[in-house]
Every structure is written in structure tokens, then in C-alpha cells.
Amino acid sequence: MKQNALVKSAEREGLKQRIKEMREFLEQQSIEVTEYDELLVRRLIEKVTVYDERFEVEFKSGAKVDVER
């Protein structure tokens, strides 16, 4: 039980660290993003899953966004 709690705590800390790194990276960007940026995509997005009527973007932070077509 204690081991599970330690694992969950470590996972939360890892997630917090990834979010912090993403925030710092975005704050360093000096301009508004108006076109595709390969570095930004690779830095922020874990994967994109395409379905018939929508797609899902999963960020490296663990957040997911559904986008309807």
C-alpha cells in the first residue's frame, strides 16, 4: 500500500514537472503562433488519434482534447 502511494506521488510530481516545462517553453515564445511549428508540436503533443467524426489530441502533460470535424 505504501509503495502504491509512493508510485502515485512520483507520477503526480512527474506530471507537475512536465506542465511546468511546457508553461516555461510557451512563455519563452516571443510571437503568437500563426503557422505550423514542428518544434512546438514535438515539444507539446504526445499523439493524435483520428476517428471518423472527431480526433483526439493528447498532450505530453496528459491532458486530452477532443476536436469535432
PDB file of N, CA and C in Angstrom:
ATOM      1  N   MET A   1       0.818  -1.186   0.000  1.00  0.00           N
ATOM      2  CA  MET A   1       0.000   0.000   0.000  1.00  0.00           C
ATOM      3  C   MET A   1       0.871   1.262   0.000  1.00  0.00           C
ATOM      4  N   LYS A   2       1.902   1.275   0.833  1.00  0.00           N
ATOM      5  CA  LYS A   2       2.796   2.426   0.885  1.00  0.00           C
ATOM      6  C   LYS A   2       3.524   2.591  -0.449  1.00  0.00           C
ATOM      7  N   GLN A   3       3.886   1.466  -1.057  1.00  0.00           N
ATOM      8  CA  GLN A   3       4.569   1.515  -2.344  1.00  0.00           C
ATOM      9  C   GLN A   3       3.665   2.130  -3.412  1.00  0.00           C
ATOM     10  N   ASN A   4       2.387   1.766  -3.411  1.00  0.00           N
ATOM     11  CA  ASN A   4       1.440   2.343  -4.370  1.00  0.00           C
ATOM     12  C   ASN A   4       1.321   3.849  -4.181  1.00  0.00           C
ATOM     13  N   ALA A   5       1.276   4.282  -2.941  1.00  0.00           N
ATOM     14  CA  ALA A   5       1.183   5.713  -2.649  1.00  0.00           C
ATOM     15  C   ALA A   5       2.427   6.442  -3.146  1.00  0.00           C
ATOM     16  N   LEU A   6       3.591   5.827  -2.973  1.00  0.00           N
ATOM     17  CA  LEU A   6       4.832   6.440  -3.441  1.00  0.00           C
ATOM     18  C   LEU A   6       4.863   6.530  -4.966  1.00  0.00           C
ATOM     19  N   VAL A   7       4.385   5.492  -5.627  1.00  0.00           N
ATOM     20  CA  VAL A   7       4.344   5.493  -7.092  1.00  0.00           C
ATOM     21  C   VAL A   7       3.409   6.587  -7.592  1.00  0.00           C
ATOM     22  N   LYS A   8       2.228   6.685  -6.997  1.00  0.00           N
ATOM     23  CA  LYS A   8       1.267   7.714  -7.410  1.00  0.00           C
ATOM     24  C   LYS A   8       1.818   9.113  -7.159  1.00  0.00           C
ATOM     25  N   SER A   9       2.504   9.276  -6.044  1.00  0.00           N
ATOM     26  CA  SER A   9       3.102  10.571  -5.732  1.00  0.00           C
ATOM     27  C   SER A   9       4.168  10.930  -6.770  1.00  0.00           C
ATOM     28  N   ALA A  10       4.980   9.963  -7.145  1.00  0.00           N
ATOM     29  CA  ALA A  10       6.017  10.198  -8.150  1.00  0.00           C
ATOM     30  C   ALA A  10       5.394  10.535  -9.502  1.00  0.00           C
ATOM     31  N   GLU A  11       4.297   9.860  -9.853  1.00  0.00           N
ATOM     32  CA  GLU A  11       3.607  10.151 -11.112  1.00  0.00           C
ATOM     33  C   GLU A  11       3.058  11.572 -11.112  1.00  0.00           C
ATOM     34  N   ARG A  12       2.479  11.995  -9.995  1.00  0.00           N
ATOM     35  CA  ARG A  12       1.952  13.363  -9.895  1.00  0.00           C
ATOM     36  C   ARG A  12       3.076  14.386 -10.026  1.00  0.00           C
ATOM     37  N   GLU A  13       4.192  14.111  -9.380  1.00  0.00           N
ATOM     38  CA  GLU A  13       5.323  15.032  -9.460  1.00  0.00           C
ATOM     39  C   GLU A  13       5.855  15.113 -10.887  1.00  0.00           C
ATOM     40  N   GLY A  14       5.895  13.976 -11.571  1.00  0.00           N
ATOM     41  CA  GLY A  14       6.332  13.967 -12.964  1.00  0.00           C
ATOM     42  C   GLY A  14       5.408  14.788 -13.841  1.00  0.00           C
ATOM     43  N   LEU A  15       4.109  14.652 -13.617  1.00  0.00           N
ATOM     44  CA  LEU A  15       3.117  15.416 -14.374  1.00  0.00           C
ATOM     45  C   LEU A  15       3.275  16.907 -14.096  1.00  0.00           C
ATOM     46  N   LYS A  16       3.447  17.267 -12.840  1.00  0.00           N
ATOM     47  CA  LYS A  16       3.643  18.677 -12.488  1.00  0.00           C
ATOM     48  C   LYS A  16       4.883  19.235 -13.179  1.00  0.00           C
ATOM     49  N   GLN A  17       5.949  18.439 -13.223  1.00  0.00           N
ATOM     50  CA  GLN A  17       7.189  18.883 -13.855  1.00  0.00           C
ATOM     51  C   GLN A  17       6.992  19.093 -15.354  1.00  0.00           C
ATOM     52  N   ARG A  18       6.289  18.178 -16.022  1.00  0.00           N
ATOM     53  CA  ARG A  18       6.037  18.325 -17.461  1.00  0.00           C
ATOM     54  C   ARG A  18       5.199  19.566 -17.742  1.00  0.00           C
ATOM     55  N   ILE A  19       4.193  19.812 -16.917  1.00  0.00           N
ATOM     56  CA  ILE A  19       3.359  21.007 -17.099  1.00  0.00           C
ATOM     57  C   ILE A  19       4.194  22.269 -16.892  1.00  0.00           C
ATOM     58  N   LYS A  20       5.048  22.256 -15.888  1.00  0.00           N
ATOM     59  CA  LYS A  20       5.921  23.409 -15.625  1.00  0.00           C
ATOM     60  C   LYS A  20       6.840  23.666 -16.821  1.00  0.00           C
ATOM     61  N   GLU A  21       7.422  22.606 -17.368  1.00  0.00           N
ATOM     62  CA  GLU A  21       8.307  22.756 -18.518  1.00  0.00           C
ATOM     63  C   GLU A  21       7.553  23.285 -19.732  1.00  0.00           C
ATOM     64  N   MET A  22       6.329  22.789 -19.949  1.00  0.00           N
ATOM     65  CA  MET A  22       5.517  23.275 -21.065  1.00  0.00           C
ATOM     66  C   MET A  22       5.205  24.752 -20.895  1.00  0.00           C
ATOM     67  N   ARG A  23       4.819  25.149 -19.694  1.00  0.00           N
ATOM     68  CA  ARG A  23       4.492  26.551 -19.424  1.00  0.00           C
ATOM     69  C   ARG A  23       5.710  27.437 -19.678  1.00  0.00           C
ATOM     70  N   GLU A  24       6.873  27.026 -19.181  1.00  0.00           N
ATOM     71  CA  GLU A  24       8.087  27.816 -19.373  1.00  0.00           C
ATOM     72  C   GLU A  24       8.431  27.940 -20.853  1.00  0.00           C
ATOM     73  N   PHE A  25       8.286  26.844 -21.581  1.00  0.00           N
ATOM     74  CA  PHE A  25       8.571  26.872 -23.012  1.00  0.00           C
ATOM     75  C   PHE A  25       7.640  27.844 -23.728  1.00  0.00           C
ATOM     76  N   LEU A  26       6.343  27.775 -23.419  1.00  0.00           N
ATOM     77  CA  LEU A  26       5.380  28.664 -24.068  1.00  0.00           C
ATOM     78  C   LEU A  26       5.629  30.123 -23.711  1.00  0.00           C
ATOM     79  N   GLU A  27       6.017  30.382 -22.477  1.00  0.00           N
ATOM     80  CA  GLU A  27       6.289  31.756 -22.057  1.00  0.00           C
ATOM     81  C   GLU A  27       7.514  32.324 -22.760  1.00  0.00           C
ATOM     82  N   GLN A  28       8.434  31.469 -23.178  1.00  0.00           N
ATOM     83  CA  GLN A  28       9.639  31.918 -23.876  1.00  0.00           C
ATOM     84  C   GLN A  28       9.369  32.275 -25.332  1.00  0.00           C
ATOM     85  N   GLN A  29       8.239  31.839 -25.858  1.00  0.00           N
ATOM     86  CA  GLN A  29       7.910  32.136 -27.253  1.00  0.00           C
ATOM     87  C   GLN A  29       7.585  33.621 -27.369  1.00  0.00           C
ATOM     88  N   SER A  30       8.301  34.289 -28.255  1.00  0.00           N
ATOM     89  CA  SER A  30       8.165  35.743 -28.337  1.00  0.00           C
ATOM     90  C   SER A  30       7.048  36.203 -29.266  1.00  0.00           C
ATOM     91  N   ILE A  31       6.531  35.298 -30.072  1.00  0.00           N
ATOM     92  CA  ILE A  31       5.490  35.705 -31.014  1.00  0.00           C
ATOM     93  C   ILE A  31       4.281  34.786 -30.904  1.00  0.00           C
ATOM     94  N   GLU A  32       3.173  35.261 -31.414  1.00  0.00           N
ATOM     95  CA  GLU A  32       1.958  34.457 -31.464  1.00  0.00           C
ATOM     96  C   GLU A  32       2.132  33.393 -32.551  1.00  0.00           C
ATOM     97  N   VAL A  33       1.713  32.187 -32.271  1.00  0.00           N
ATOM     98  CA  VAL A  33       1.834  31.105 -33.242  1.00  0.00           C
ATOM     99  C   VAL A  33       0.718  31.251 -34.271  1.00  0.00           C
ATOM    100  N   THR A  34       1.094  31.453 -35.530  1.00  0.00           N
ATOM    101  CA  THR A  34       0.108  31.607 -36.601  1.00  0.00           C
ATOM    102  C   THR A  34       0.276  30.563 -37.695  1.00  0.00           C
ATOM    103  N   GLU A  35       1.320  29.748 -37.591  1.00  0.00           N
ATOM    104  CA  GLU A  35       1.531  28.697 -38.576  1.00  0.00           C
ATOM    105  C   GLU A  35       2.160  27.487 -37.890  1.00  0.00           C
ATOM    106  N   TYR A  36       2.198  26.384 -38.610  1.00  0.00           N
ATOM    107  CA  TYR A  36       2.718  25.135 -38.058  1.00  0.00           C
ATOM    108  C   TYR A  36       4.148  25.312 -37.568  1.00  0.00           C
ATOM    109  N   ASP A  37       4.422  24.816 -36.381  1.00  0.00           N
ATOM    110  CA  ASP A  37       5.750  24.902 -35.784  1.00  0.00           C
ATOM    111  C   ASP A  37       6.151  23.505 -35.309  1.00  0.00           C
ATOM    112  N   GLU A  38       7.035  22.861 -36.046  1.00  0.00           N
ATOM    113  CA  GLU A  38       7.449  21.484 -35.753  1.00  0.00           C
ATOM    114  C   GLU A  38       8.003  21.347 -34.333  1.00  0.00           C
ATOM    115  N   LEU A  39       8.839  22.277 -33.913  1.00  0.00           N
ATOM    116  CA  LEU A  39       9.417  22.222 -32.571  1.00  0.00           C
ATOM    117  C   LEU A  39       8.334  22.283 -31.505  1.00  0.00           C
ATOM    118  N   LEU A  40       7.383  23.165 -31.693  1.00  0.00           N
ATOM    119  CA  LEU A  40       6.290  23.311 -30.739  1.00  0.00           C
ATOM    120  C   LEU A  40       5.458  22.028 -30.668  1.00  0.00           C
ATOM    121  N   VAL A  41       5.137  21.461 -31.812  1.00  0.00           N
ATOM    122  CA  VAL A  41       4.352  20.221 -31.854  1.00  0.00           C
ATOM    123  C   VAL A  41       5.091  19.100 -31.140  1.00  0.00           C
ATOM    124  N   ARG A  42       6.347  18.919 -31.455  1.00  0.00           N
ATOM    125  CA  ARG A  42       7.125  17.833 -30.830  1.00  0.00           C
ATOM    126  C   ARG A  42       7.289  18.040 -29.331  1.00  0.00           C
ATOM    127  N   ARG A  43       7.319  19.270 -28.917  1.00  0.00           N
ATOM    128  CA  ARG A  43       7.506  19.584 -27.504  1.00  0.00           C
ATOM    129  C   ARG A  43       6.224  19.373 -26.695  1.00  0.00           C
ATOM    130  N   LEU A  44       5.066  19.619 -27.304  1.00  0.00           N
ATOM    131  CA  LEU A  44       3.813  19.629 -26.557  1.00  0.00           C
ATOM    132  C   LEU A  44       2.926  18.408 -26.752  1.00  0.00           C
ATOM    133  N   ILE A  45       2.934  17.809 -27.940  1.00  0.00           N
ATOM    134  CA  ILE A  45       1.949  16.777 -28.265  1.00  0.00           C
ATOM    135  C   ILE A  45       2.552  15.380 -28.203  1.00  0.00           C
ATOM    136  N   GLU A  46       1.871  14.511 -27.482  1.00  0.00           N
ATOM    137  CA  GLU A  46       2.276  13.107 -27.385  1.00  0.00           C
ATOM    138  C   GLU A  46       1.767  12.330 -28.592  1.00  0.00           C
ATOM    139  N   LYS A  47       0.448  12.470 -28.882  1.00  0.00           N
ATOM    140  CA  LYS A  47      -0.113  11.770 -30.041  1.00  0.00           C
ATOM    141  C   LYS A  47      -1.446  12.387 -30.436  1.00  0.00           C
ATOM    142  N   VAL A  48      -1.828  12.094 -31.673  1.00  0.00           N
ATOM    143  CA  VAL A  48      -3.128  12.496 -32.204  1.00  0.00           C
ATOM    144  C   VAL A  48      -3.803  11.227 -32.707  1.00  0.00           C
ATOM    145  N   THR A  49      -5.042  10.992 -32.264  1.00  0.00           N
ATOM    146  CA  THR A  49      -5.808   9.827 -32.696  1.00  0.00           C
ATOM    147  C   THR A  49      -6.982  10.321 -33.528  1.00  0.00           C
ATOM    148  N   VAL A  50      -7.101   9.786 -34.745  1.00  0.00           N
ATOM    149  CA  VAL A  50      -8.150  10.218 -35.667  1.00  0.00           C
ATOM    150  C   VAL A  50      -9.267   9.178 -35.682  1.00  0.00           C
ATOM    151  N   TYR A  51     -10.494   9.659 -35.473  1.00  0.00           N
ATOM    152  CA  TYR A  51     -11.700   8.840 -35.536  1.00  0.00           C
ATOM    153  C   TYR A  51     -12.534   9.324 -36.717  1.00  0.00           C
ATOM    154  N   ASP A  52     -13.647   8.638 -37.004  1.00  0.00           N
ATOM    155  CA  ASP A  52     -14.494   9.015 -38.145  1.00  0.00           C
ATOM    156  C   ASP A  52     -15.003  10.451 -38.058  1.00  0.00           C
ATOM    157  N   GLU A  53     -15.516  10.847 -36.912  1.00  0.00           N
ATOM    158  CA  GLU A  53     -16.159  12.157 -36.782  1.00  0.00           C
ATOM    159  C   GLU A  53     -15.407  13.145 -35.891  1.00  0.00           C
ATOM    160  N   ARG A  54     -14.260  12.754 -35.394  1.00  0.00           N
ATOM    161  CA  ARG A  54     -13.508  13.632 -34.496  1.00  0.00           C
ATOM    162  C   ARG A  54     -12.055  13.178 -34.443  1.00  0.00           C
ATOM    163  N   PHE A  55     -11.226  13.956 -33.788  1.00  0.00           N
ATOM    164  CA  PHE A  55      -9.890  13.485 -33.456  1.00  0.00           C
ATOM    165  C   PHE A  55      -9.542  13.932 -32.051  1.00  0.00           C
ATOM    166  N   GLU A  56      -8.600  13.242 -31.455  1.00  0.00           N
ATOM    167  CA  GLU A  56      -8.216  13.485 -30.069  1.00  0.00           C
ATOM    168  C   GLU A  56      -6.733  13.831 -30.034  1.00  0.00           C
ATOM    169  N   VAL A  57      -6.408  14.919 -29.380  1.00  0.00           N
ATOM    170  CA  VAL A  57      -5.024  15.345 -29.207  1.00  0.00           C
ATOM    171  C   VAL A  57      -4.641  15.070 -27.760  1.00  0.00           C
ATOM    172  N   GLU A  58      -3.589  14.289 -27.585  1.00  0.00           N
ATOM    173  CA  GLU A  58      -3.088  14.008 -26.239  1.00  0.00           C
ATOM    174  C   GLU A  58      -1.757  14.735 -26.064  1.00  0.00           C
ATOM    175  N   PHE A  59      -1.720  15.610 -25.075  1.00  0.00           N
ATOM    176  CA  PHE A  59      -0.517  16.380 -24.803  1.00  0.00           C
ATOM    177  C   PHE A  59       0.414  15.599 -23.890  1.00  0.00           C
ATOM    178  N   LYS A  60       1.672  15.957 -23.901  1.00  0.00           N
ATOM    179  CA  LYS A  60       2.645  15.271 -23.056  1.00  0.00           C
ATOM    180  C   LYS A  60       2.347  15.463 -21.579  1.00  0.00           C
ATOM    181  N   SER A  61       1.578  16.469 -21.258  1.00  0.00           N
ATOM    182  CA  SER A  61       1.189  16.695 -19.863  1.00  0.00           C
ATOM    183  C   SER A  61       0.148  15.684 -19.408  1.00  0.00           C
ATOM    184  N   GLY A  62      -0.452  14.965 -20.379  1.00  0.00           N
ATOM    185  CA  GLY A  62      -1.507  14.017 -20.050  1.00  0.00           C
ATOM    186  C   GLY A  62      -2.892  14.544 -20.376  1.00  0.00           C
ATOM    187  N   ALA A  63      -3.004  15.833 -20.629  1.00  0.00           N
ATOM    188  CA  ALA A  63      -4.301  16.421 -20.980  1.00  0.00           C
ATOM    189  C   ALA A  63      -4.719  15.942 -22.363  1.00  0.00           C
ATOM    190  N   LYS A  64      -6.030  15.762 -22.548  1.00  0.00           N
ATOM    191  CA  LYS A  64      -6.572  15.337 -23.837  1.00  0.00           C
ATOM    192  C   LYS A  64      -7.639  16.326 -24.279  1.00  0.00           C
ATOM    193  N   VAL A  65      -7.681  16.576 -25.594  1.00  0.00           N
ATOM    194  CA  VAL A  65      -8.673  17.478 -26.164  1.00  0.00           C
ATOM    195  C   VAL A  65      -9.338  16.767 -27.336  1.00  0.00           C
ATOM    196  N   ASP A  66     -10.673  16.720 -27.325  1.00  0.00           N
ATOM    197  CA  ASP A  66     -11.438  16.177 -28.448  1.00  0.00           C
ATOM    198  C   ASP A  66     -11.802  17.317 -29.381  1.00  0.00           C
ATOM    199  N   VAL A  67     -11.597  17.097 -30.677  1.00  0.00           N
ATOM    200  CA  VAL A  67     -11.921  18.106 -31.682  1.00  0.00           C
ATOM    201  C   VAL A  67     -12.891  17.481 -32.673  1.00  0.00           C
ATOM    202  N   GLU A  68     -14.082  18.082 -32.770  1.00  0.00           N
ATOM    203  CA  GLU A  68     -15.091  17.604 -33.724  1.00  0.00           C
ATOM    204  C   GLU A  68     -14.736  18.093 -35.119  1.00  0.00           C
ATOM    205  N   ARG A  69     -15.047  17.288 -36.117  1.00  0.00           N
ATOM    206  CA  ARG A  69     -14.778  17.699 -37.508  1.00  0.00           C
ATOM    207  C   ARG A  69     -15.829  18.643 -37.992  1.00  0.00           C
TER     208      ARG A  69
END
